[in-house]
Amino acid sequence: ALIGPNGAGKSTVLKAVCGLIRAWNGQITFNGELTNDSTP
């Protein structure tokens, strides 16, 4: 679960993971594969 008050960034996390927005810094890895620049 990802919880928190409105505006905390919860939906932004999901959008970054699925590729709807780009990561500015840091890494997103899925099954050992870097996905920062992947499309949905």
PDB file of all heavy atoms in Angstrom:
ATOM      1  N   ALA A   1       0.835  -1.195   0.000  1.00  0.00           N
ATOM      2  CA  ALA A   1       0.000   0.000   0.000  1.00  0.00           C
ATOM      3  C   ALA A   1       0.872   1.249   0.000  1.00  0.00           C
ATOM      4  O   ALA A   1       1.936   1.285   0.631  1.00  0.00           O
ATOM      5  CB  ALA A   1      -0.902   0.010   1.230  1.00  0.00           C
ATOM      6  N   LEU A   2       0.397   2.252  -0.704  1.00  0.00           N
ATOM      7  CA  LEU A   2       1.054   3.552  -0.751  1.00  0.00           C
ATOM      8  C   LEU A   2       0.018   4.566  -0.290  1.00  0.00           C
ATOM      9  O   LEU A   2      -0.975   4.812  -0.977  1.00  0.00           O
ATOM     10  CB  LEU A   2       1.513   3.832  -2.184  1.00  0.00           C
ATOM     11  CG  LEU A   2       2.543   4.924  -2.436  1.00  0.00           C
ATOM     12  CD1 LEU A   2       3.808   4.717  -1.617  1.00  0.00           C
ATOM     13  CD2 LEU A   2       2.889   4.971  -3.921  1.00  0.00           C
ATOM     14  N   ILE A   3       0.232   5.132   0.915  1.00  0.00           N
ATOM     15  CA  ILE A   3      -0.755   6.025   1.510  1.00  0.00           C
ATOM     16  C   ILE A   3      -0.118   7.382   1.808  1.00  0.00           C
ATOM     17  O   ILE A   3       1.084   7.569   1.631  1.00  0.00           O
ATOM     18  CB  ILE A   3      -1.347   5.420   2.809  1.00  0.00           C
ATOM     19  CG1 ILE A   3      -0.259   5.266   3.887  1.00  0.00           C
ATOM     20  CG2 ILE A   3      -2.031   4.076   2.524  1.00  0.00           C
ATOM     21  CD1 ILE A   3      -0.806   4.872   5.260  1.00  0.00           C
ATOM     22  N   GLY A   4      -0.938   8.306   2.264  1.00  0.00           N
ATOM     23  CA  GLY A   4      -0.449   9.634   2.601  1.00  0.00           C
ATOM     24  C   GLY A   4      -1.482  10.681   2.244  1.00  0.00           C
ATOM     25  O   GLY A   4      -2.444  10.400   1.519  1.00  0.00           O
ATOM     26  N   PRO A   5      -1.317  11.906   2.720  1.00  0.00           N
ATOM     27  CA  PRO A   5      -2.285  12.967   2.435  1.00  0.00           C
ATOM     28  C   PRO A   5      -2.304  13.345   0.961  1.00  0.00           C
ATOM     29  O   PRO A   5      -1.392  12.999   0.201  1.00  0.00           O
ATOM     30  CB  PRO A   5      -1.802  14.136   3.312  1.00  0.00           C
ATOM     31  CG  PRO A   5      -0.351  13.856   3.546  1.00  0.00           C
ATOM     32  CD  PRO A   5      -0.210  12.371   3.575  1.00  0.00           C
ATOM     33  N   ASN A   6      -3.337  14.067   0.560  1.00  0.00           N
ATOM     34  CA  ASN A   6      -3.419  14.563  -0.813  1.00  0.00           C
ATOM     35  C   ASN A   6      -2.189  15.403  -1.136  1.00  0.00           C
ATOM     36  O   ASN A   6      -1.731  16.198  -0.313  1.00  0.00           O
ATOM     37  CB  ASN A   6      -4.679  15.413  -1.002  1.00  0.00           C
ATOM     38  CG  ASN A   6      -5.939  14.575  -1.025  1.00  0.00           C
ATOM     39  OD1 ASN A   6      -5.916  13.414  -1.419  1.00  0.00           O
ATOM     40  ND2 ASN A   6      -7.046  15.147  -0.590  1.00  0.00           N
ATOM     41  N   GLY A   7      -1.652  15.217  -2.344  1.00  0.00           N
ATOM     42  CA  GLY A   7      -0.492  15.984  -2.758  1.00  0.00           C
ATOM     43  C   GLY A   7       0.835  15.444  -2.288  1.00  0.00           C
ATOM     44  O   GLY A   7       1.881  16.068  -2.508  1.00  0.00           O
ATOM     45  N   ALA A   8       0.823  14.266  -1.667  1.00  0.00           N
ATOM     46  CA  ALA A   8       2.062  13.693  -1.139  1.00  0.00           C
ATOM     47  C   ALA A   8       2.943  13.102  -2.230  1.00  0.00           C
ATOM     48  O   ALA A   8       4.124  12.845  -1.997  1.00  0.00           O
ATOM     49  CB  ALA A   8       1.752  12.623  -0.087  1.00  0.00           C
ATOM     50  N   GLY A   9       2.372  12.822  -3.419  1.00  0.00           N
ATOM     51  CA  GLY A   9       3.163  12.263  -4.515  1.00  0.00           C
ATOM     52  C   GLY A   9       2.878  10.815  -4.827  1.00  0.00           C
ATOM     53  O   GLY A   9       3.597  10.195  -5.620  1.00  0.00           O
ATOM     54  N   LYS A  10       1.809  10.268  -4.268  1.00  0.00           N
ATOM     55  CA  LYS A  10       1.524   8.843  -4.430  1.00  0.00           C
ATOM     56  C   LYS A  10       1.288   8.463  -5.892  1.00  0.00           C
ATOM     57  O   LYS A  10       1.898   7.529  -6.413  1.00  0.00           O
ATOM     58  CB  LYS A  10       0.307   8.457  -3.570  1.00  0.00           C
ATOM     59  CG  LYS A  10       0.439   8.821  -2.101  1.00  0.00           C
ATOM     60  CD  LYS A  10      -0.768   8.405  -1.294  1.00  0.00           C
ATOM     61  CE  LYS A  10      -2.043   9.099  -1.706  1.00  0.00           C
ATOM     62  NZ  LYS A  10      -2.007  10.569  -1.488  1.00  0.00           N
ATOM     63  N   SER A  11       0.384   9.185  -6.549  1.00  0.00           N
ATOM     64  CA  SER A  11       0.096   8.875  -7.950  1.00  0.00           C
ATOM     65  C   SER A  11       1.303   9.119  -8.841  1.00  0.00           C
ATOM     66  O   SER A  11       1.504   8.422  -9.847  1.00  0.00           O
ATOM     67  CB  SER A  11      -1.090   9.719  -8.449  1.00  0.00           C
ATOM     68  OG  SER A  11      -2.269   9.394  -7.744  1.00  0.00           O
ATOM     69  N   THR A  12       2.136  10.082  -8.470  1.00  0.00           N
ATOM     70  CA  THR A  12       3.340  10.380  -9.247  1.00  0.00           C
ATOM     71  C   THR A  12       4.290   9.190  -9.248  1.00  0.00           C
ATOM     72  O   THR A  12       4.953   8.915 -10.253  1.00  0.00           O
ATOM     73  CB  THR A  12       4.037  11.633  -8.679  1.00  0.00           C
ATOM     74  OG1 THR A  12       3.106  12.721  -8.683  1.00  0.00           O
ATOM     75  CG2 THR A  12       5.255  12.012  -9.511  1.00  0.00           C
ATOM     76  N   VAL A  13       4.347   8.464  -8.137  1.00  0.00           N
ATOM     77  CA  VAL A  13       5.186   7.261  -8.072  1.00  0.00           C
ATOM     78  C   VAL A  13       4.728   6.255  -9.128  1.00  0.00           C
ATOM     79  O   VAL A  13       5.538   5.727  -9.900  1.00  0.00           O
ATOM     80  CB  VAL A  13       5.133   6.621  -6.673  1.00  0.00           C
ATOM     81  CG1 VAL A  13       5.873   5.281  -6.664  1.00  0.00           C
ATOM     82  CG2 VAL A  13       5.730   7.554  -5.626  1.00  0.00           C
ATOM     83  N   LEU A  14       3.422   5.998  -9.193  1.00  0.00           N
ATOM     84  CA  LEU A  14       2.904   5.027 -10.153  1.00  0.00           C
ATOM     85  C   LEU A  14       3.166   5.473 -11.591  1.00  0.00           C
ATOM     86  O   LEU A  14       3.527   4.664 -12.447  1.00  0.00           O
ATOM     87  CB  LEU A  14       1.404   4.811  -9.942  1.00  0.00           C
ATOM     88  CG  LEU A  14       0.935   4.359  -8.549  1.00  0.00           C
ATOM     89  CD1 LEU A  14      -0.529   3.937  -8.616  1.00  0.00           C
ATOM     90  CD2 LEU A  14       1.786   3.230  -8.004  1.00  0.00           C
ATOM     91  N   LYS A  15       2.984   6.756 -11.841  1.00  0.00           N
ATOM     92  CA  LYS A  15       3.205   7.273 -13.205  1.00  0.00           C
ATOM     93  C   LYS A  15       4.673   7.161 -13.607  1.00  0.00           C
ATOM     94  O   LYS A  15       4.986   6.891 -14.773  1.00  0.00           O
ATOM     95  CB  LYS A  15       2.733   8.718 -13.284  1.00  0.00           C
ATOM     96  CG  LYS A  15       1.225   8.863 -13.197  1.00  0.00           C
ATOM     97  CD  LYS A  15       0.802  10.328 -13.154  1.00  0.00           C
ATOM     98  CE  LYS A  15      -0.708  10.465 -13.005  1.00  0.00           C
ATOM     99  NZ  LYS A  15      -1.114  11.883 -12.900  1.00  0.00           N
ATOM    100  N   ALA A  16       5.575   7.365 -12.663  1.00  0.00           N
ATOM    101  CA  ALA A  16       6.999   7.225 -12.975  1.00  0.00           C
ATOM    102  C   ALA A  16       7.353   5.767 -13.255  1.00  0.00           C
ATOM    103  O   ALA A  16       8.127   5.464 -14.176  1.00  0.00           O
ATOM    104  CB  ALA A  16       7.845   7.766 -11.826  1.00  0.00           C
ATOM    105  N   VAL A  17       6.785   4.852 -12.487  1.00  0.00           N
ATOM    106  CA  VAL A  17       7.085   3.437 -12.684  1.00  0.00           C
ATOM    107  C   VAL A  17       6.564   2.953 -14.033  1.00  0.00           C
ATOM    108  O   VAL A  17       7.251   2.210 -14.739  1.00  0.00           O
ATOM    109  CB  VAL A  17       6.489   2.590 -11.539  1.00  0.00           C
ATOM    110  CG1 VAL A  17       6.612   1.092 -11.851  1.00  0.00           C
ATOM    111  CG2 VAL A  17       7.187   2.906 -10.222  1.00  0.00           C
ATOM    112  N   CYS A  18       5.359   3.373 -14.424  1.00  0.00           N
ATOM    113  CA  CYS A  18       4.803   2.863 -15.684  1.00  0.00           C
ATOM    114  C   CYS A  18       5.329   3.611 -16.891  1.00  0.00           C
ATOM    115  O   CYS A  18       5.115   3.171 -18.027  1.00  0.00           O
ATOM    116  CB  CYS A  18       3.285   2.874 -15.646  1.00  0.00           C
ATOM    117  SG  CYS A  18       2.528   4.468 -15.938  1.00  0.00           S
ATOM    118  N   GLY A  19       6.024   4.725 -16.686  1.00  0.00           N
ATOM    119  CA  GLY A  19       6.642   5.435 -17.797  1.00  0.00           C
ATOM    120  C   GLY A  19       5.865   6.626 -18.309  1.00  0.00           C
ATOM    121  O   GLY A  19       6.221   7.203 -19.338  1.00  0.00           O
ATOM    122  N   LEU A  20       4.798   7.037 -17.607  1.00  0.00           N
ATOM    123  CA  LEU A  20       4.027   8.201 -18.034  1.00  0.00           C
ATOM    124  C   LEU A  20       4.775   9.507 -17.788  1.00  0.00           C
ATOM    125  O   LEU A  20       4.540  10.497 -18.478  1.00  0.00           O
ATOM    126  CB  LEU A  20       2.674   8.235 -17.304  1.00  0.00           C
ATOM    127  CG  LEU A  20       1.641   7.210 -17.792  1.00  0.00           C
ATOM    128  CD1 LEU A  20       0.438   7.209 -16.880  1.00  0.00           C
ATOM    129  CD2 LEU A  20       1.222   7.505 -19.222  1.00  0.00           C
ATOM    130  N   ILE A  21       5.653   9.525 -16.770  1.00  0.00           N
ATOM    131  CA  ILE A  21       6.545  10.659 -16.564  1.00  0.00           C
ATOM    132  C   ILE A  21       7.960  10.110 -16.394  1.00  0.00           C
ATOM    133  O   ILE A  21       8.148   8.941 -16.041  1.00  0.00           O
ATOM    134  CB  ILE A  21       6.149  11.521 -15.342  1.00  0.00           C
ATOM    135  CG1 ILE A  21       6.276  10.721 -14.039  1.00  0.00           C
ATOM    136  CG2 ILE A  21       4.745  12.077 -15.493  1.00  0.00           C
ATOM    137  CD1 ILE A  21       6.101  11.566 -12.791  1.00  0.00           C
ATOM    138  N   ARG A  22       8.942  10.945 -16.648  1.00  0.00           N
ATOM    139  CA  ARG A  22      10.333  10.523 -16.576  1.00  0.00           C
ATOM    140  C   ARG A  22      10.920  10.771 -15.187  1.00  0.00           C
ATOM    141  O   ARG A  22      10.574  11.753 -14.515  1.00  0.00           O
ATOM    142  CB  ARG A  22      11.176  11.281 -17.612  1.00  0.00           C
ATOM    143  CG  ARG A  22      10.818  10.939 -19.044  1.00  0.00           C
ATOM    144  CD  ARG A  22      11.148   9.494 -19.371  1.00  0.00           C
ATOM    145  NE  ARG A  22      10.820   9.141 -20.746  1.00  0.00           N
ATOM    146  CZ  ARG A  22      11.686   9.234 -21.746  1.00  0.00           C
ATOM    147  NH1 ARG A  22      12.904   9.700 -21.551  1.00  0.00           N
ATOM    148  NH2 ARG A  22      11.326   8.876 -22.967  1.00  0.00           N
ATOM    149  N   ALA A  23      11.812   9.906 -14.783  1.00  0.00           N
ATOM    150  CA  ALA A  23      12.584  10.129 -13.553  1.00  0.00           C
ATOM    151  C   ALA A  23      13.617  11.225 -13.810  1.00  0.00           C
ATOM    152  O   ALA A  23      14.325  11.185 -14.819  1.00  0.00           O
ATOM    153  CB  ALA A  23      13.276   8.843 -13.134  1.00  0.00           C
ATOM    154  N   TRP A  24      13.702  12.194 -12.926  1.00  0.00           N
ATOM    155  CA  TRP A  24      14.719  13.244 -13.055  1.00  0.00           C
ATOM    156  C   TRP A  24      16.065  12.730 -12.569  1.00  0.00           C
ATOM    157  O   TRP A  24      17.086  12.984 -13.179  1.00  0.00           O
ATOM    158  CB  TRP A  24      14.316  14.471 -12.236  1.00  0.00           C
ATOM    159  CG  TRP A  24      13.085  15.165 -12.730  1.00  0.00           C
ATOM    160  CD1 TRP A  24      12.333  14.823 -13.820  1.00  0.00           C
ATOM    161  CD2 TRP A  24      12.471  16.320 -12.161  1.00  0.00           C
ATOM    162  NE1 TRP A  24      11.281  15.693 -13.961  1.00  0.00           N
ATOM    163  CE2 TRP A  24      11.344  16.627 -12.963  1.00  0.00           C
ATOM    164  CE3 TRP A  24      12.750  17.126 -11.065  1.00  0.00           C
ATOM    165  CZ2 TRP A  24      10.504  17.710 -12.682  1.00  0.00           C
ATOM    166  CZ3 TRP A  24      11.917  18.195 -10.785  1.00  0.00           C
ATOM    167  CH2 TRP A  24      10.810  18.482 -11.592  1.00  0.00           C
ATOM    168  N   ASN A  25      16.030  12.052 -11.438  1.00  0.00           N
ATOM    169  CA  ASN A  25      17.239  11.452 -10.857  1.00  0.00           C
ATOM    170  C   ASN A  25      16.836  10.147 -10.185  1.00  0.00           C
ATOM    171  O   ASN A  25      15.661   9.903  -9.918  1.00  0.00           O
ATOM    172  CB  ASN A  25      17.890  12.385  -9.823  1.00  0.00           C
ATOM    173  CG  ASN A  25      18.483  13.634 -10.440  1.00  0.00           C
ATOM    174  OD1 ASN A  25      19.408  13.563 -11.246  1.00  0.00           O
ATOM    175  ND2 ASN A  25      17.935  14.786 -10.071  1.00  0.00           N
ATOM    176  N   GLY A  26      17.829   9.334  -9.867  1.00  0.00           N
ATOM    177  CA  GLY A  26      17.558   8.068  -9.211  1.00  0.00           C
ATOM    178  C   GLY A  26      17.337   6.947 -10.212  1.00  0.00           C
ATOM    179  O   GLY A  26      17.519   7.122 -11.426  1.00  0.00           O
ATOM    180  N   GLN A  27      16.920   5.786  -9.695  1.00  0.00           N
ATOM    181  CA  GLN A  27      16.761   4.604 -10.545  1.00  0.00           C
ATOM    182  C   GLN A  27      15.456   3.887 -10.249  1.00  0.00           C
ATOM    183  O   GLN A  27      15.038   3.764  -9.088  1.00  0.00           O
ATOM    184  CB  GLN A  27      17.922   3.629 -10.320  1.00  0.00           C
ATOM    185  CG  GLN A  27      19.272   4.134 -10.803  1.00  0.00           C
ATOM    186  CD  GLN A  27      20.341   3.066 -10.723  1.00  0.00           C
ATOM    187  OE1 GLN A  27      20.238   2.128  -9.928  1.00  0.00           O
ATOM    188  NE2 GLN A  27      21.362   3.181 -11.547  1.00  0.00           N
ATOM    189  N   ILE A  28      14.851   3.414 -11.318  1.00  0.00           N
ATOM    190  CA  ILE A  28      13.709   2.506 -11.226  1.00  0.00           C
ATOM    191  C   ILE A  28      14.130   1.206 -11.898  1.00  0.00           C
ATOM    192  O   ILE A  28      14.506   1.200 -13.071  1.00  0.00           O
ATOM    193  CB  ILE A  28      12.462   3.074 -11.918  1.00  0.00           C
ATOM    194  CG1 ILE A  28      12.096   4.445 -11.336  1.00  0.00           C
ATOM    195  CG2 ILE A  28      11.285   2.101 -11.780  1.00  0.00           C
ATOM    196  CD1 ILE A  28      10.997   5.157 -12.108  1.00  0.00           C
ATOM    197  N   THR A  29      14.079   0.114 -11.136  1.00  0.00           N
ATOM    198  CA  THR A  29      14.533  -1.176 -11.644  1.00  0.00           C
ATOM    199  C   THR A  29      13.405  -2.189 -11.498  1.00  0.00           C
ATOM    200  O   THR A  29      12.772  -2.285 -10.442  1.00  0.00           O
ATOM    201  CB  THR A  29      15.763  -1.665 -10.863  1.00  0.00           C
ATOM    202  OG1 THR A  29      16.760  -0.650 -10.873  1.00  0.00           O
ATOM    203  CG2 THR A  29      16.336  -2.919 -11.477  1.00  0.00           C
ATOM    204  N   PHE A  30      13.162  -2.940 -12.577  1.00  0.00           N
ATOM    205  CA  PHE A  30      12.139  -3.989 -12.546  1.00  0.00           C
ATOM    206  C   PHE A  30      12.778  -5.294 -12.982  1.00  0.00           C
ATOM    207  O   PHE A  30      13.319  -5.401 -14.087  1.00  0.00           O
ATOM    208  CB  PHE A  30      10.968  -3.633 -13.459  1.00  0.00           C
ATOM    209  CG  PHE A  30       9.818  -4.591 -13.364  1.00  0.00           C
ATOM    210  CD1 PHE A  30       9.027  -4.639 -12.231  1.00  0.00           C
ATOM    211  CD2 PHE A  30       9.520  -5.460 -14.407  1.00  0.00           C
ATOM    212  CE1 PHE A  30       7.959  -5.514 -12.131  1.00  0.00           C
ATOM    213  CE2 PHE A  30       8.459  -6.333 -14.324  1.00  0.00           C
ATOM    214  CZ  PHE A  30       7.679  -6.369 -13.185  1.00  0.00           C
ATOM    215  N   ASN A  31      12.755  -6.281 -12.090  1.00  0.00           N
ATOM    216  CA  ASN A  31      13.409  -7.569 -12.352  1.00  0.00           C
ATOM    217  C   ASN A  31      14.851  -7.395 -12.791  1.00  0.00           C
ATOM    218  O   ASN A  31      15.326  -8.057 -13.725  1.00  0.00           O
ATOM    219  CB  ASN A  31      12.622  -8.370 -13.392  1.00  0.00           C
ATOM    220  CG  ASN A  31      11.333  -8.923 -12.825  1.00  0.00           C
ATOM    221  OD1 ASN A  31      11.229  -9.203 -11.635  1.00  0.00           O
ATOM    222  ND2 ASN A  31      10.335  -9.062 -13.667  1.00  0.00           N
ATOM    223  N   GLY A  32      15.542  -6.476 -12.124  1.00  0.00           N
ATOM    224  CA  GLY A  32      16.960  -6.267 -12.378  1.00  0.00           C
ATOM    225  C   GLY A  32      17.279  -5.422 -13.590  1.00  0.00           C
ATOM    226  O   GLY A  32      18.451  -5.200 -13.891  1.00  0.00           O
ATOM    227  N   GLU A  33      16.258  -4.918 -14.298  1.00  0.00           N
ATOM    228  CA  GLU A  33      16.464  -4.137 -15.512  1.00  0.00           C
ATOM    229  C   GLU A  33      16.089  -2.682 -15.259  1.00  0.00           C
ATOM    230  O   GLU A  33      14.985  -2.380 -14.773  1.00  0.00           O
ATOM    231  CB  GLU A  33      15.606  -4.710 -16.643  1.00  0.00           C
ATOM    232  CG  GLU A  33      15.850  -4.062 -17.988  1.00  0.00           C
ATOM    233  CD  GLU A  33      15.044  -4.712 -19.090  1.00  0.00           C
ATOM    234  OE1 GLU A  33      14.252  -5.638 -18.798  1.00  0.00           O
ATOM    235  OE2 GLU A  33      15.191  -4.297 -20.260  1.00  0.00           O
ATOM    236  N   LEU A  34      16.981  -1.770 -15.587  1.00  0.00           N
ATOM    237  CA  LEU A  34      16.736  -0.346 -15.410  1.00  0.00           C
ATOM    238  C   LEU A  34      15.651   0.101 -16.388  1.00  0.00           C
ATOM    239  O   LEU A  34      15.738  -0.168 -17.590  1.00  0.00           O
ATOM    240  CB  LEU A  34      18.020   0.448 -15.642  1.00  0.00           C
ATOM    241  CG  LEU A  34      17.988   1.939 -15.281  1.00  0.00           C
ATOM    242  CD1 LEU A  34      17.837   2.126 -13.782  1.00  0.00           C
ATOM    243  CD2 LEU A  34      19.275   2.612 -15.771  1.00  0.00           C
ATOM    244  N   THR A  35      14.632   0.797 -15.872  1.00  0.00           N
ATOM    245  CA  THR A  35      13.488   1.171 -16.716  1.00  0.00           C
ATOM    246  C   THR A  35      13.258   2.680 -16.767  1.00  0.00           C
ATOM    247  O   THR A  35      12.204   3.118 -17.243  1.00  0.00           O
ATOM    248  CB  THR A  35      12.200   0.495 -16.213  1.00  0.00           C
ATOM    249  OG1 THR A  35      11.875   1.014 -14.912  1.00  0.00           O
ATOM    250  CG2 THR A  35      12.369  -1.012 -16.131  1.00  0.00           C
ATOM    251  N   ASN A  36      14.210   3.469 -16.320  1.00  0.00           N
ATOM    252  CA  ASN A  36      14.001   4.923 -16.236  1.00  0.00           C
ATOM    253  C   ASN A  36      13.468   5.544 -17.521  1.00  0.00           C
ATOM    254  O   ASN A  36      12.624   6.427 -17.482  1.00  0.00           O
ATOM    255  CB  ASN A  36      15.313   5.622 -15.869  1.00  0.00           C
ATOM    256  CG  ASN A  36      15.681   5.455 -14.414  1.00  0.00           C
ATOM    257  OD1 ASN A  36      15.512   4.369 -13.857  1.00  0.00           O
ATOM    258  ND2 ASN A  36      16.185   6.503 -13.780  1.00  0.00           N
ATOM    259  N   ASP A  37      13.986   5.130 -18.665  1.00  0.00           N
ATOM    260  CA  ASP A  37      13.635   5.773 -19.927  1.00  0.00           C
ATOM    261  C   ASP A  37      12.643   4.960 -20.758  1.00  0.00           C
ATOM    262  O   ASP A  37      12.479   5.213 -21.947  1.00  0.00           O
ATOM    263  CB  ASP A  37      14.905   6.039 -20.748  1.00  0.00           C
ATOM    264  CG  ASP A  37      15.851   7.002 -20.047  1.00  0.00           C
ATOM    265  OD1 ASP A  37      15.348   7.965 -19.440  1.00  0.00           O
ATOM    266  OD2 ASP A  37      17.070   6.792 -20.115  1.00  0.00           O
ATOM    267  N   SER A  38      11.971   4.014 -20.125  1.00  0.00           N
ATOM    268  CA  SER A  38      11.050   3.153 -20.862  1.00  0.00           C
ATOM    269  C   SER A  38       9.711   3.837 -21.095  1.00  0.00           C
ATOM    270  O   SER A  38       9.269   4.673 -20.311  1.00  0.00           O
ATOM    271  CB  SER A  38      10.818   1.844 -20.103  1.00  0.00           C
ATOM    272  OG  SER A  38      11.982   1.070 -20.070  1.00  0.00           O
ATOM    273  N   THR A  39       9.045   3.445 -22.168  1.00  0.00           N
ATOM    274  CA  THR A  39       7.697   3.917 -22.457  1.00  0.00           C
ATOM    275  C   THR A  39       6.678   3.031 -21.731  1.00  0.00           C
ATOM    276  O   THR A  39       6.995   1.894 -21.355  1.00  0.00           O
ATOM    277  CB  THR A  39       7.423   3.864 -23.959  1.00  0.00           C
ATOM    278  OG1 THR A  39       7.462   2.487 -24.383  1.00  0.00           O
ATOM    279  CG2 THR A  39       8.444   4.673 -24.734  1.00  0.00           C
ATOM    280  N   PRO A  40       5.438   3.514 -21.576  1.00  0.00           N
ATOM    281  CA  PRO A  40       4.408   2.647 -20.987  1.00  0.00           C
ATOM    282  C   PRO A  40       4.225   1.343 -21.757  1.00  0.00           C
ATOM    283  O   PRO A  40       4.069   0.279 -21.143  1.00  0.00           O
ATOM    284  CB  PRO A  40       3.153   3.527 -21.049  1.00  0.00           C
ATOM    285  CG  PRO A  40       3.666   4.926 -20.954  1.00  0.00           C
ATOM    286  CD  PRO A  40       4.958   4.900 -21.740  1.00  0.00           C
TER     287      PRO A  40
END
